[in-house]
């Protein structure tokens, strides 16, 4: 089966579904500094890890040192930049073995980063999650909905949040979230 061997040697370029939508520039209110900035974290390796029964602690311990974001009891999104196609998934499958199920989500999800002094105010327009720093510290994640779209929300820094959405909803979600930022002015970088 030489065709099958040729298929494994192919390298595919991953394109962001927002490449033609997330146009760089300044938008919305034009007075003063923009209240928020948006960027697309791309390309990004995204792997879902789900601990098997009785393996929650072992899975959590094995993920130390990775950018592992909580996604539910015993469930994580593990993210990495600069990794080859499938490399993070293969590494985690090998490392976790029978302790967890591992699935590559790199082609199926889009991560939008919002940062700036008005980022929390923008997000508060669409989620019931209490984003006050005392309740939602850096590193905390939540599963929520915004504009009828399931969102994995993580606070990654002071006034910096990552929003992970399914690829198929990313365009409509982008339009909604940037519209929420118009009153503050926003920058796409």
C-alpha atoms as a PDB file:
ATOM      1  CA  UNK A   1       0.000   0.000   0.000  1.00  0.00           C
ATOM      2  CA  UNK A   2       2.326   2.764  -1.114  1.00  0.00           C
ATOM      3  CA  UNK A   3      -0.595   5.230  -1.141  1.00  0.00           C
ATOM      4  CA  UNK A   4      -1.048   4.884   2.626  1.00  0.00           C
ATOM      5  CA  UNK A   5       2.663   5.496   3.205  1.00  0.00           C
ATOM      6  CA  UNK A   6       2.520   8.582   1.021  1.00  0.00           C
ATOM      7  CA  UNK A   7      -0.431   9.897   3.034  1.00  0.00           C
ATOM      8  CA  UNK A   8       1.559   9.784   6.290  1.00  0.00           C
ATOM      9  CA  UNK A   9       4.417  11.728   4.733  1.00  0.00           C
ATOM     10  CA  UNK A  10       2.214  14.676   3.799  1.00  0.00           C
ATOM     11  CA  UNK A  11       2.383  17.878   5.761  1.00  0.00           C
ATOM     12  CA  UNK A  12      -0.707  20.014   5.951  1.00  0.00           C
ATOM     13  CA  UNK A  13      -0.807  23.705   6.662  1.00  0.00           C
ATOM     14  CA  UNK A  14      -3.398  24.570   9.286  1.00  0.00           C
ATOM     15  CA  UNK A  15      -5.321  27.773   8.583  1.00  0.00           C
ATOM     16  CA  UNK A  16      -7.284  29.720  11.147  1.00  0.00           C
ATOM     17  CA  UNK A  17     -10.969  30.004  10.219  1.00  0.00           C
ATOM     18  CA  UNK A  18     -10.660  33.657  11.294  1.00  0.00           C
ATOM     19  CA  UNK A  19      -7.752  34.513   8.988  1.00  0.00           C
ATOM     20  CA  UNK A  20      -9.983  36.642   6.734  1.00  0.00           C
ATOM     21  CA  UNK A  21     -12.226  37.944   9.536  1.00  0.00           C
ATOM     22  CA  UNK A  22      -9.804  39.068  12.259  1.00  0.00           C
ATOM     23  CA  UNK A  23      -8.410  42.027  10.352  1.00  0.00           C
ATOM     24  CA  UNK A  24      -5.702  43.937  12.189  1.00  0.00           C
ATOM     25  CA  UNK A  25      -6.443  47.513  13.149  1.00  0.00           C
ATOM     26  CA  UNK A  26      -8.337  49.816  15.507  1.00  0.00           C
ATOM     27  CA  UNK A  27     -12.150  49.600  15.699  1.00  0.00           C
ATOM     28  CA  UNK A  28     -15.064  50.988  17.682  1.00  0.00           C
ATOM     29  CA  UNK A  29     -14.687  54.058  19.909  1.00  0.00           C
ATOM     30  CA  UNK A  30     -11.723  56.062  18.696  1.00  0.00           C
ATOM     31  CA  UNK A  31     -10.995  58.330  21.662  1.00  0.00           C
ATOM     32  CA  UNK A  32      -8.153  57.382  23.960  1.00  0.00           C
ATOM     33  CA  UNK A  33      -6.372  54.087  24.160  1.00  0.00           C
ATOM     34  CA  UNK A  34      -8.338  50.994  23.132  1.00  0.00           C
ATOM     35  CA  UNK A  35     -10.034  49.283  26.067  1.00  0.00           C
ATOM     36  CA  UNK A  36      -9.332  45.800  24.730  1.00  0.00           C
ATOM     37  CA  UNK A  37      -7.197  43.992  22.221  1.00  0.00           C
ATOM     38  CA  UNK A  38      -7.941  40.739  20.445  1.00  0.00           C
ATOM     39  CA  UNK A  39      -5.611  38.178  18.948  1.00  0.00           C
ATOM     40  CA  UNK A  40      -5.945  34.666  17.624  1.00  0.00           C
ATOM     41  CA  UNK A  41      -3.638  32.094  19.183  1.00  0.00           C
ATOM     42  CA  UNK A  42      -2.691  30.252  16.024  1.00  0.00           C
ATOM     43  CA  UNK A  43      -1.252  27.803  15.235  1.00  0.00           C
ATOM     44  CA  UNK A  44      -1.858  26.159  18.581  1.00  0.00           C
ATOM     45  CA  UNK A  45      -1.846  22.529  19.629  1.00  0.00           C
ATOM     46  CA  UNK A  46      -4.913  21.733  21.721  1.00  0.00           C
ATOM     47  CA  UNK A  47      -5.405  18.314  23.292  1.00  0.00           C
ATOM     48  CA  UNK A  48      -8.309  17.114  25.434  1.00  0.00           C
ATOM     49  CA  UNK A  49      -7.301  14.820  28.296  1.00  0.00           C
ATOM     50  CA  UNK A  50      -9.950  12.929  30.275  1.00  0.00           C
ATOM     51  CA  UNK A  51      -8.818  10.882  33.272  1.00  0.00           C
ATOM     52  CA  UNK A  52     -10.160   7.347  33.445  1.00  0.00           C
ATOM     53  CA  UNK A  53     -11.975   6.104  36.538  1.00  0.00           C
ATOM     54  CA  UNK A  54      -9.730   6.313  39.593  1.00  0.00           C
ATOM     55  CA  UNK A  55      -6.922   8.028  37.650  1.00  0.00           C
ATOM     56  CA  UNK A  56      -7.739  11.685  38.334  1.00  0.00           C
ATOM     57  CA  UNK A  57      -4.831  12.369  40.678  1.00  0.00           C
ATOM     58  CA  UNK A  58      -2.334  10.460  38.530  1.00  0.00           C
ATOM     59  CA  UNK A  59      -3.478  12.348  35.434  1.00  0.00           C
ATOM     60  CA  UNK A  60      -3.250  15.733  37.166  1.00  0.00           C
ATOM     61  CA  UNK A  61       0.245  14.892  38.420  1.00  0.00           C
ATOM     62  CA  UNK A  62       1.389  13.810  34.949  1.00  0.00           C
ATOM     63  CA  UNK A  63       0.201  17.127  33.484  1.00  0.00           C
ATOM     64  CA  UNK A  64       2.315  19.285  35.796  1.00  0.00           C
ATOM     65  CA  UNK A  65       4.625  21.418  33.698  1.00  0.00           C
ATOM     66  CA  UNK A  66       2.142  21.592  30.812  1.00  0.00           C
ATOM     67  CA  UNK A  67      -0.330  24.393  30.084  1.00  0.00           C
ATOM     68  CA  UNK A  68      -3.206  22.235  31.354  1.00  0.00           C
ATOM     69  CA  UNK A  69      -6.463  24.122  31.788  1.00  0.00           C
ATOM     70  CA  UNK A  70      -9.338  22.653  33.773  1.00  0.00           C
ATOM     71  CA  UNK A  71     -12.294  21.632  31.578  1.00  0.00           C
ATOM     72  CA  UNK A  72     -14.382  19.649  34.071  1.00  0.00           C
ATOM     73  CA  UNK A  73     -13.789  17.039  36.779  1.00  0.00           C
ATOM     74  CA  UNK A  74     -10.764  15.028  35.641  1.00  0.00           C
ATOM     75  CA  UNK A  75     -10.783  16.823  32.276  1.00  0.00           C
ATOM     76  CA  UNK A  76      -8.246  19.238  30.822  1.00  0.00           C
ATOM     77  CA  UNK A  77      -7.389  21.158  27.697  1.00  0.00           C
ATOM     78  CA  UNK A  78      -3.629  21.024  27.232  1.00  0.00           C
ATOM     79  CA  UNK A  79      -2.221  23.777  25.003  1.00  0.00           C
ATOM     80  CA  UNK A  80       1.174  24.297  23.409  1.00  0.00           C
ATOM     81  CA  UNK A  81       2.605  26.633  20.807  1.00  0.00           C
ATOM     82  CA  UNK A  82       5.356  25.742  18.373  1.00  0.00           C
ATOM     83  CA  UNK A  83       4.724  21.996  18.312  1.00  0.00           C
ATOM     84  CA  UNK A  84       4.572  19.934  15.133  1.00  0.00           C
ATOM     85  CA  UNK A  85       1.321  18.489  13.863  1.00  0.00           C
ATOM     86  CA  UNK A  86       0.104  15.861  16.359  1.00  0.00           C
ATOM     87  CA  UNK A  87       3.291  16.011  18.451  1.00  0.00           C
ATOM     88  CA  UNK A  88       1.639  17.124  21.698  1.00  0.00           C
ATOM     89  CA  UNK A  89      -1.132  14.545  21.366  1.00  0.00           C
ATOM     90  CA  UNK A  90       1.341  11.728  20.726  1.00  0.00           C
ATOM     91  CA  UNK A  91       3.526  12.841  23.639  1.00  0.00           C
ATOM     92  CA  UNK A  92       0.566  12.883  26.040  1.00  0.00           C
ATOM     93  CA  UNK A  93      -0.749   9.515  24.829  1.00  0.00           C
ATOM     94  CA  UNK A  94       2.650   8.004  25.542  1.00  0.00           C
ATOM     95  CA  UNK A  95       3.044   9.749  28.905  1.00  0.00           C
ATOM     96  CA  UNK A  96      -0.463   9.036  30.214  1.00  0.00           C
ATOM     97  CA  UNK A  97      -0.895   5.537  28.810  1.00  0.00           C
ATOM     98  CA  UNK A  98      -3.984   3.855  30.275  1.00  0.00           C
ATOM     99  CA  UNK A  99      -4.542   6.605  32.882  1.00  0.00           C
ATOM    100  CA  UNK A 100      -6.438   8.919  30.512  1.00  0.00           C
ATOM    101  CA  UNK A 101      -8.066   9.276  27.134  1.00  0.00           C
ATOM    102  CA  UNK A 102      -6.305  11.786  24.877  1.00  0.00           C
ATOM    103  CA  UNK A 103      -7.767  13.472  21.795  1.00  0.00           C
ATOM    104  CA  UNK A 104      -6.250  16.108  19.498  1.00  0.00           C
ATOM    105  CA  UNK A 105      -8.545  19.136  19.154  1.00  0.00           C
ATOM    106  CA  UNK A 106      -6.116  21.394  17.277  1.00  0.00           C
ATOM    107  CA  UNK A 107      -8.193  21.477  14.098  1.00  0.00           C
ATOM    108  CA  UNK A 108     -11.528  21.695  15.889  1.00  0.00           C
ATOM    109  CA  UNK A 109     -11.095  24.649  18.237  1.00  0.00           C
ATOM    110  CA  UNK A 110     -10.067  28.298  17.982  1.00  0.00           C
ATOM    111  CA  UNK A 111      -8.563  30.266  20.877  1.00  0.00           C
ATOM    112  CA  UNK A 112      -9.244  34.002  20.955  1.00  0.00           C
ATOM    113  CA  UNK A 113      -7.266  36.097  23.426  1.00  0.00           C
ATOM    114  CA  UNK A 114      -8.758  39.291  24.829  1.00  0.00           C
ATOM    115  CA  UNK A 115      -6.580  41.620  26.875  1.00  0.00           C
ATOM    116  CA  UNK A 116      -6.780  45.126  28.249  1.00  0.00           C
ATOM    117  CA  UNK A 117      -8.348  47.217  30.981  1.00  0.00           C
ATOM    118  CA  UNK A 118     -11.886  46.639  29.640  1.00  0.00           C
ATOM    119  CA  UNK A 119     -11.508  42.910  28.851  1.00  0.00           C
ATOM    120  CA  UNK A 120     -13.454  41.870  31.960  1.00  0.00           C
ATOM    121  CA  UNK A 121     -16.238  44.367  31.158  1.00  0.00           C
ATOM    122  CA  UNK A 122     -16.511  42.972  27.611  1.00  0.00           C
ATOM    123  CA  UNK A 123     -16.733  39.404  28.882  1.00  0.00           C
ATOM    124  CA  UNK A 124     -19.239  40.320  31.593  1.00  0.00           C
ATOM    125  CA  UNK A 125     -21.702  41.273  28.854  1.00  0.00           C
ATOM    126  CA  UNK A 126     -22.036  37.634  27.875  1.00  0.00           C
ATOM    127  CA  UNK A 127     -21.303  35.320  30.783  1.00  0.00           C
ATOM    128  CA  UNK A 128     -22.747  34.758  34.254  1.00  0.00           C
ATOM    129  CA  UNK A 129     -19.285  33.718  35.504  1.00  0.00           C
ATOM    130  CA  UNK A 130     -18.050  36.015  38.288  1.00  0.00           C
ATOM    131  CA  UNK A 131     -14.855  37.401  36.746  1.00  0.00           C
ATOM    132  CA  UNK A 132     -13.794  39.486  39.744  1.00  0.00           C
ATOM    133  CA  UNK A 133     -10.100  38.725  40.411  1.00  0.00           C
ATOM    134  CA  UNK A 134     -10.911  37.449  43.914  1.00  0.00           C
ATOM    135  CA  UNK A 135     -13.288  34.848  42.461  1.00  0.00           C
ATOM    136  CA  UNK A 136     -11.577  34.170  39.129  1.00  0.00           C
ATOM    137  CA  UNK A 137      -7.810  34.283  39.728  1.00  0.00           C
ATOM    138  CA  UNK A 138      -5.120  33.826  37.095  1.00  0.00           C
ATOM    139  CA  UNK A 139      -5.099  30.203  35.969  1.00  0.00           C
ATOM    140  CA  UNK A 140      -8.780  29.552  36.675  1.00  0.00           C
ATOM    141  CA  UNK A 141     -11.006  28.188  33.910  1.00  0.00           C
ATOM    142  CA  UNK A 142     -14.737  27.852  33.459  1.00  0.00           C
ATOM    143  CA  UNK A 143     -17.052  26.302  30.919  1.00  0.00           C
ATOM    144  CA  UNK A 144     -19.751  28.823  30.007  1.00  0.00           C
ATOM    145  CA  UNK A 145     -21.905  30.078  27.167  1.00  0.00           C
ATOM    146  CA  UNK A 146     -21.699  33.403  25.405  1.00  0.00           C
ATOM    147  CA  UNK A 147     -23.994  34.353  22.538  1.00  0.00           C
ATOM    148  CA  UNK A 148     -25.375  30.777  22.571  1.00  0.00           C
ATOM    149  CA  UNK A 149     -21.882  29.380  21.968  1.00  0.00           C
ATOM    150  CA  UNK A 150     -20.078  27.043  24.366  1.00  0.00           C
ATOM    151  CA  UNK A 151     -16.886  28.738  25.547  1.00  0.00           C
ATOM    152  CA  UNK A 152     -13.952  27.485  27.579  1.00  0.00           C
ATOM    153  CA  UNK A 153     -12.831  30.637  29.400  1.00  0.00           C
ATOM    154  CA  UNK A 154      -9.439  30.905  31.141  1.00  0.00           C
ATOM    155  CA  UNK A 155      -7.858  33.854  32.889  1.00  0.00           C
ATOM    156  CA  UNK A 156      -4.212  33.786  31.806  1.00  0.00           C
ATOM    157  CA  UNK A 157      -2.960  37.089  33.223  1.00  0.00           C
ATOM    158  CA  UNK A 158      -3.953  40.448  34.653  1.00  0.00           C
ATOM    159  CA  UNK A 159      -6.747  41.575  32.325  1.00  0.00           C
ATOM    160  CA  UNK A 160      -5.937  38.724  29.890  1.00  0.00           C
ATOM    161  CA  UNK A 161      -8.355  35.899  29.017  1.00  0.00           C
ATOM    162  CA  UNK A 162      -8.373  33.043  26.512  1.00  0.00           C
ATOM    163  CA  UNK A 163     -11.681  31.985  24.967  1.00  0.00           C
ATOM    164  CA  UNK A 164     -11.735  28.582  23.268  1.00  0.00           C
ATOM    165  CA  UNK A 165     -14.671  27.876  20.946  1.00  0.00           C
ATOM    166  CA  UNK A 166     -15.499  25.209  18.407  1.00  0.00           C
ATOM    167  CA  UNK A 167     -14.129  26.076  14.991  1.00  0.00           C
ATOM    168  CA  UNK A 168     -17.566  26.041  13.369  1.00  0.00           C
ATOM    169  CA  UNK A 169     -18.843  28.758  15.723  1.00  0.00           C
ATOM    170  CA  UNK A 170     -15.702  30.907  15.697  1.00  0.00           C
ATOM    171  CA  UNK A 171     -16.770  33.379  13.001  1.00  0.00           C
ATOM    172  CA  UNK A 172     -20.135  34.243  14.544  1.00  0.00           C
ATOM    173  CA  UNK A 173     -18.555  34.326  18.002  1.00  0.00           C
ATOM    174  CA  UNK A 174     -15.816  36.702  16.748  1.00  0.00           C
ATOM    175  CA  UNK A 175     -18.438  39.044  15.327  1.00  0.00           C
ATOM    176  CA  UNK A 176     -20.379  39.005  18.593  1.00  0.00           C
ATOM    177  CA  UNK A 177     -17.402  39.498  20.958  1.00  0.00           C
ATOM    178  CA  UNK A 178     -15.890  42.336  18.926  1.00  0.00           C
ATOM    179  CA  UNK A 179     -19.279  44.053  18.792  1.00  0.00           C
ATOM    180  CA  UNK A 180     -19.358  43.938  22.602  1.00  0.00           C
ATOM    181  CA  UNK A 181     -16.006  45.755  22.677  1.00  0.00           C
ATOM    182  CA  UNK A 182     -16.952  48.583  20.314  1.00  0.00           C
ATOM    183  CA  UNK A 183     -18.000  51.006  23.066  1.00  0.00           C
ATOM    184  CA  UNK A 184     -14.522  50.767  24.616  1.00  0.00           C
ATOM    185  CA  UNK A 185     -12.593  50.765  21.350  1.00  0.00           C
ATOM    186  CA  UNK A 186     -10.548  47.695  20.502  1.00  0.00           C
ATOM    187  CA  UNK A 187      -7.435  46.706  18.645  1.00  0.00           C
ATOM    188  CA  UNK A 188      -6.942  43.516  16.633  1.00  0.00           C
ATOM    189  CA  UNK A 189      -3.301  42.492  16.711  1.00  0.00           C
END
